[in-house]
């Protein structure tokens, strides 16, 4: 058996114009105090691939347009709905008022495996934090839930963009299984 890569046309890709009105999964991704613009761009690309509702960028995280973001986003920054809010707690308050559950992605007390999400958790906002410090305690205190990716190595650390991708696609799997 042999395999052949599909062409762009065969993948049925949406144009950026059509993606504006396409259905999204009930998942928001909040980036708080992300230092690396390459990580930001990577998370734009992953958010597009996962079909998230919106990205919320907070704190000192850089926003488009920036060459470093565009280098890894490969145009996804034009397709993913996003907003900037300097204060993450204020953004969390708005989301909670809309009925969105706030879930940190962090190794924390009483966290549960990221694979334990159920349809009852949606809509939800997944918060990822600083590459070194993670989600600060003040923001973590506003979370309804904390998900954790099990770590089996010595560092107990994943790149923030990699961790976001792992968790986002698990959340999408849960949503799509419940559709």
C-alpha atoms as a PDB file:
ATOM      1  CA  UNK A   1       0.000   0.000   0.000  1.00  0.00           C
ATOM      2  CA  UNK A   2       1.290   3.463  -0.830  1.00  0.00           C
ATOM      3  CA  UNK A   3       0.241   6.893   0.315  1.00  0.00           C
ATOM      4  CA  UNK A   4      -0.012  10.195  -1.514  1.00  0.00           C
ATOM      5  CA  UNK A   5      -0.212  13.591   0.122  1.00  0.00           C
ATOM      6  CA  UNK A   6      -3.379  15.502  -0.683  1.00  0.00           C
ATOM      7  CA  UNK A   7      -3.126  18.792  -2.493  1.00  0.00           C
ATOM      8  CA  UNK A   8      -4.557  21.964  -0.987  1.00  0.00           C
ATOM      9  CA  UNK A   9      -7.608  21.717  -3.254  1.00  0.00           C
ATOM     10  CA  UNK A  10      -8.232  18.106  -2.211  1.00  0.00           C
ATOM     11  CA  UNK A  11      -8.180  19.111   1.471  1.00  0.00           C
ATOM     12  CA  UNK A  12     -11.217  21.378   0.974  1.00  0.00           C
ATOM     13  CA  UNK A  13      -9.510  24.266   2.747  1.00  0.00           C
ATOM     14  CA  UNK A  14     -11.682  27.255   3.515  1.00  0.00           C
ATOM     15  CA  UNK A  15     -10.630  30.645   2.232  1.00  0.00           C
ATOM     16  CA  UNK A  16      -9.993  33.270   4.927  1.00  0.00           C
ATOM     17  CA  UNK A  17     -13.209  34.995   3.805  1.00  0.00           C
ATOM     18  CA  UNK A  18     -15.287  31.822   4.205  1.00  0.00           C
ATOM     19  CA  UNK A  19     -13.631  30.910   7.500  1.00  0.00           C
ATOM     20  CA  UNK A  20     -15.090  34.065   9.100  1.00  0.00           C
ATOM     21  CA  UNK A  21     -18.571  32.539   8.942  1.00  0.00           C
ATOM     22  CA  UNK A  22     -17.713  28.881   9.437  1.00  0.00           C
ATOM     23  CA  UNK A  23     -18.872  27.054  12.568  1.00  0.00           C
ATOM     24  CA  UNK A  24     -16.325  26.942  15.385  1.00  0.00           C
ATOM     25  CA  UNK A  25     -15.863  24.660  18.342  1.00  0.00           C
ATOM     26  CA  UNK A  26     -16.984  26.131  21.703  1.00  0.00           C
ATOM     27  CA  UNK A  27     -13.378  26.560  22.831  1.00  0.00           C
ATOM     28  CA  UNK A  28     -11.505  29.796  23.527  1.00  0.00           C
ATOM     29  CA  UNK A  29      -7.736  29.946  24.008  1.00  0.00           C
ATOM     30  CA  UNK A  30      -6.265  32.594  26.312  1.00  0.00           C
ATOM     31  CA  UNK A  31      -2.556  33.376  26.051  1.00  0.00           C
ATOM     32  CA  UNK A  32      -1.264  35.183  29.122  1.00  0.00           C
ATOM     33  CA  UNK A  33       2.215  36.714  29.348  1.00  0.00           C
ATOM     34  CA  UNK A  34       3.690  34.579  26.569  1.00  0.00           C
ATOM     35  CA  UNK A  35       7.266  35.753  25.975  1.00  0.00           C
ATOM     36  CA  UNK A  36       7.974  34.200  22.591  1.00  0.00           C
ATOM     37  CA  UNK A  37       6.287  35.624  19.527  1.00  0.00           C
ATOM     38  CA  UNK A  38       7.097  32.355  17.751  1.00  0.00           C
ATOM     39  CA  UNK A  39       5.023  30.538  20.369  1.00  0.00           C
ATOM     40  CA  UNK A  40       2.203  33.028  19.801  1.00  0.00           C
ATOM     41  CA  UNK A  41       2.333  32.377  16.058  1.00  0.00           C
ATOM     42  CA  UNK A  42       2.394  28.641  16.598  1.00  0.00           C
ATOM     43  CA  UNK A  43      -0.687  28.847  18.807  1.00  0.00           C
ATOM     44  CA  UNK A  44      -2.506  30.897  16.147  1.00  0.00           C
ATOM     45  CA  UNK A  45      -1.783  28.118  13.678  1.00  0.00           C
ATOM     46  CA  UNK A  46      -2.936  25.421  16.093  1.00  0.00           C
ATOM     47  CA  UNK A  47      -6.062  27.395  17.046  1.00  0.00           C
ATOM     48  CA  UNK A  48      -6.942  27.647  13.362  1.00  0.00           C
ATOM     49  CA  UNK A  49      -6.402  23.920  12.808  1.00  0.00           C
ATOM     50  CA  UNK A  50      -8.540  23.111  15.874  1.00  0.00           C
ATOM     51  CA  UNK A  51     -11.318  25.509  14.838  1.00  0.00           C
ATOM     52  CA  UNK A  52     -11.464  27.396  18.122  1.00  0.00           C
ATOM     53  CA  UNK A  53     -14.025  30.141  18.642  1.00  0.00           C
ATOM     54  CA  UNK A  54     -11.512  32.853  19.548  1.00  0.00           C
ATOM     55  CA  UNK A  55      -8.096  33.591  21.015  1.00  0.00           C
ATOM     56  CA  UNK A  56      -7.789  36.076  23.831  1.00  0.00           C
ATOM     57  CA  UNK A  57      -4.328  37.594  24.181  1.00  0.00           C
ATOM     58  CA  UNK A  58      -3.503  39.170  27.549  1.00  0.00           C
ATOM     59  CA  UNK A  59      -0.727  40.742  29.549  1.00  0.00           C
ATOM     60  CA  UNK A  60       2.504  41.427  27.715  1.00  0.00           C
ATOM     61  CA  UNK A  61       1.876  38.782  25.055  1.00  0.00           C
ATOM     62  CA  UNK A  62       2.624  40.293  21.638  1.00  0.00           C
ATOM     63  CA  UNK A  63      -0.186  40.688  19.103  1.00  0.00           C
ATOM     64  CA  UNK A  64      -0.197  40.710  15.308  1.00  0.00           C
ATOM     65  CA  UNK A  65       1.037  42.234  13.143  1.00  0.00           C
ATOM     66  CA  UNK A  66       4.551  41.133  14.042  1.00  0.00           C
ATOM     67  CA  UNK A  67       7.008  39.442  11.702  1.00  0.00           C
ATOM     68  CA  UNK A  68       7.915  36.847  14.348  1.00  0.00           C
ATOM     69  CA  UNK A  69       4.258  35.872  14.856  1.00  0.00           C
ATOM     70  CA  UNK A  70       3.598  35.737  11.129  1.00  0.00           C
ATOM     71  CA  UNK A  71       6.624  33.484  10.558  1.00  0.00           C
ATOM     72  CA  UNK A  72       5.092  30.618  12.552  1.00  0.00           C
ATOM     73  CA  UNK A  73       1.395  31.468  12.128  1.00  0.00           C
ATOM     74  CA  UNK A  74       1.650  31.149   8.327  1.00  0.00           C
ATOM     75  CA  UNK A  75      -1.430  33.318   7.840  1.00  0.00           C
ATOM     76  CA  UNK A  76      -3.531  31.824  10.651  1.00  0.00           C
ATOM     77  CA  UNK A  77      -3.496  35.200  12.417  1.00  0.00           C
ATOM     78  CA  UNK A  78      -5.775  36.358   9.582  1.00  0.00           C
ATOM     79  CA  UNK A  79      -8.254  33.475  10.048  1.00  0.00           C
ATOM     80  CA  UNK A  80      -8.528  33.116  13.827  1.00  0.00           C
ATOM     81  CA  UNK A  81     -10.739  35.601  15.641  1.00  0.00           C
ATOM     82  CA  UNK A  82      -8.731  37.237  18.396  1.00  0.00           C
ATOM     83  CA  UNK A  83      -8.814  40.121  20.803  1.00  0.00           C
ATOM     84  CA  UNK A  84      -6.375  41.752  23.159  1.00  0.00           C
ATOM     85  CA  UNK A  85      -7.122  42.532  26.795  1.00  0.00           C
ATOM     86  CA  UNK A  86      -4.367  43.893  29.028  1.00  0.00           C
ATOM     87  CA  UNK A  87      -6.074  42.497  32.139  1.00  0.00           C
ATOM     88  CA  UNK A  88      -6.704  38.729  32.015  1.00  0.00           C
ATOM     89  CA  UNK A  89      -8.991  38.824  35.069  1.00  0.00           C
ATOM     90  CA  UNK A  90     -11.238  41.327  33.316  1.00  0.00           C
ATOM     91  CA  UNK A  91     -11.319  39.092  30.208  1.00  0.00           C
ATOM     92  CA  UNK A  92     -12.133  36.061  32.370  1.00  0.00           C
ATOM     93  CA  UNK A  93     -14.990  37.999  33.978  1.00  0.00           C
ATOM     94  CA  UNK A  94     -16.489  38.794  30.568  1.00  0.00           C
ATOM     95  CA  UNK A  95     -16.226  35.162  29.485  1.00  0.00           C
ATOM     96  CA  UNK A  96     -17.798  33.898  32.721  1.00  0.00           C
ATOM     97  CA  UNK A  97     -20.677  36.349  32.242  1.00  0.00           C
ATOM     98  CA  UNK A  98     -21.248  34.700  28.846  1.00  0.00           C
ATOM     99  CA  UNK A  99     -21.384  31.245  30.488  1.00  0.00           C
ATOM    100  CA  UNK A 100     -17.881  30.156  29.494  1.00  0.00           C
ATOM    101  CA  UNK A 101     -16.044  27.851  31.913  1.00  0.00           C
ATOM    102  CA  UNK A 102     -12.476  28.955  32.651  1.00  0.00           C
ATOM    103  CA  UNK A 103      -9.887  26.163  32.629  1.00  0.00           C
ATOM    104  CA  UNK A 104      -6.192  26.629  33.249  1.00  0.00           C
ATOM    105  CA  UNK A 105      -3.611  24.295  31.751  1.00  0.00           C
ATOM    106  CA  UNK A 106      -1.168  23.860  34.590  1.00  0.00           C
ATOM    107  CA  UNK A 107       0.299  21.381  37.057  1.00  0.00           C
ATOM    108  CA  UNK A 108      -1.604  22.393  40.177  1.00  0.00           C
ATOM    109  CA  UNK A 109      -3.320  21.091  43.273  1.00  0.00           C
ATOM    110  CA  UNK A 110      -6.627  19.386  42.464  1.00  0.00           C
ATOM    111  CA  UNK A 111      -5.969  19.555  38.724  1.00  0.00           C
ATOM    112  CA  UNK A 112      -7.472  16.775  36.662  1.00  0.00           C
ATOM    113  CA  UNK A 113      -6.139  15.084  33.553  1.00  0.00           C
ATOM    114  CA  UNK A 114      -6.816  17.005  30.345  1.00  0.00           C
ATOM    115  CA  UNK A 115      -8.429  13.822  29.044  1.00  0.00           C
ATOM    116  CA  UNK A 116     -11.150  14.069  31.717  1.00  0.00           C
ATOM    117  CA  UNK A 117     -13.017  16.911  29.971  1.00  0.00           C
ATOM    118  CA  UNK A 118     -16.678  16.175  29.224  1.00  0.00           C
ATOM    119  CA  UNK A 119     -19.396  17.949  27.245  1.00  0.00           C
ATOM    120  CA  UNK A 120     -20.577  19.509  30.524  1.00  0.00           C
ATOM    121  CA  UNK A 121     -17.337  21.561  30.531  1.00  0.00           C
ATOM    122  CA  UNK A 122     -18.256  23.483  27.360  1.00  0.00           C
ATOM    123  CA  UNK A 123     -18.112  26.203  26.303  1.00  0.00           C
ATOM    124  CA  UNK A 124     -14.698  26.656  27.870  1.00  0.00           C
ATOM    125  CA  UNK A 125     -11.673  28.885  27.757  1.00  0.00           C
ATOM    126  CA  UNK A 126      -8.304  27.184  28.064  1.00  0.00           C
ATOM    127  CA  UNK A 127      -5.688  29.454  29.625  1.00  0.00           C
ATOM    128  CA  UNK A 128      -1.991  28.917  28.942  1.00  0.00           C
ATOM    129  CA  UNK A 129       0.651  30.944  30.721  1.00  0.00           C
ATOM    130  CA  UNK A 130       4.216  32.138  30.625  1.00  0.00           C
ATOM    131  CA  UNK A 131       6.812  29.697  29.291  1.00  0.00           C
ATOM    132  CA  UNK A 132       8.794  29.710  32.552  1.00  0.00           C
ATOM    133  CA  UNK A 133       6.359  30.703  35.306  1.00  0.00           C
ATOM    134  CA  UNK A 134       3.136  29.200  33.930  1.00  0.00           C
ATOM    135  CA  UNK A 135      -0.174  30.738  34.964  1.00  0.00           C
ATOM    136  CA  UNK A 136       0.276  33.154  37.854  1.00  0.00           C
ATOM    137  CA  UNK A 137      -1.587  32.445  41.094  1.00  0.00           C
ATOM    138  CA  UNK A 138      -3.890  35.465  40.776  1.00  0.00           C
ATOM    139  CA  UNK A 139      -5.209  34.256  37.418  1.00  0.00           C
ATOM    140  CA  UNK A 140      -5.269  30.621  38.495  1.00  0.00           C
ATOM    141  CA  UNK A 141      -7.585  31.632  41.370  1.00  0.00           C
ATOM    142  CA  UNK A 142     -10.220  32.653  38.780  1.00  0.00           C
ATOM    143  CA  UNK A 143     -10.225  29.261  37.071  1.00  0.00           C
ATOM    144  CA  UNK A 144     -13.226  26.971  37.432  1.00  0.00           C
ATOM    145  CA  UNK A 145     -11.052  23.980  36.630  1.00  0.00           C
ATOM    146  CA  UNK A 146      -7.409  23.172  36.011  1.00  0.00           C
ATOM    147  CA  UNK A 147      -6.365  20.569  33.473  1.00  0.00           C
ATOM    148  CA  UNK A 148      -2.977  18.895  33.601  1.00  0.00           C
ATOM    149  CA  UNK A 149      -1.019  16.984  30.977  1.00  0.00           C
ATOM    150  CA  UNK A 150       0.731  14.066  32.687  1.00  0.00           C
ATOM    151  CA  UNK A 151       4.512  14.399  32.659  1.00  0.00           C
ATOM    152  CA  UNK A 152       6.762  11.336  32.716  1.00  0.00           C
ATOM    153  CA  UNK A 153      10.216  12.868  32.238  1.00  0.00           C
ATOM    154  CA  UNK A 154      12.460  14.731  34.627  1.00  0.00           C
ATOM    155  CA  UNK A 155      11.615  18.326  33.628  1.00  0.00           C
ATOM    156  CA  UNK A 156       7.829  18.205  34.013  1.00  0.00           C
ATOM    157  CA  UNK A 157       7.659  20.797  31.296  1.00  0.00           C
ATOM    158  CA  UNK A 158       6.336  21.108  27.757  1.00  0.00           C
ATOM    159  CA  UNK A 159       6.694  24.028  25.391  1.00  0.00           C
ATOM    160  CA  UNK A 160       3.570  26.163  25.872  1.00  0.00           C
ATOM    161  CA  UNK A 161       2.573  25.914  22.212  1.00  0.00           C
ATOM    162  CA  UNK A 162       2.977  22.132  22.258  1.00  0.00           C
ATOM    163  CA  UNK A 163       0.950  21.841  25.480  1.00  0.00           C
ATOM    164  CA  UNK A 164      -1.787  24.062  24.041  1.00  0.00           C
ATOM    165  CA  UNK A 165      -1.955  21.883  20.938  1.00  0.00           C
ATOM    166  CA  UNK A 166      -2.221  18.661  22.909  1.00  0.00           C
ATOM    167  CA  UNK A 167      -5.021  20.019  25.089  1.00  0.00           C
ATOM    168  CA  UNK A 168      -6.916  21.817  22.301  1.00  0.00           C
ATOM    169  CA  UNK A 169      -7.178  18.753  20.123  1.00  0.00           C
ATOM    170  CA  UNK A 170      -8.367  16.654  23.059  1.00  0.00           C
ATOM    171  CA  UNK A 171     -11.037  19.256  23.798  1.00  0.00           C
ATOM    172  CA  UNK A 172     -12.094  19.264  20.133  1.00  0.00           C
ATOM    173  CA  UNK A 173     -12.242  15.447  20.207  1.00  0.00           C
ATOM    174  CA  UNK A 174     -14.637  15.623  23.166  1.00  0.00           C
ATOM    175  CA  UNK A 175     -16.818  18.248  21.460  1.00  0.00           C
ATOM    176  CA  UNK A 176     -16.938  16.378  18.157  1.00  0.00           C
ATOM    177  CA  UNK A 177     -17.756  13.134  19.938  1.00  0.00           C
ATOM    178  CA  UNK A 178     -20.668  14.884  21.620  1.00  0.00           C
ATOM    179  CA  UNK A 179     -22.055  16.356  18.381  1.00  0.00           C
END
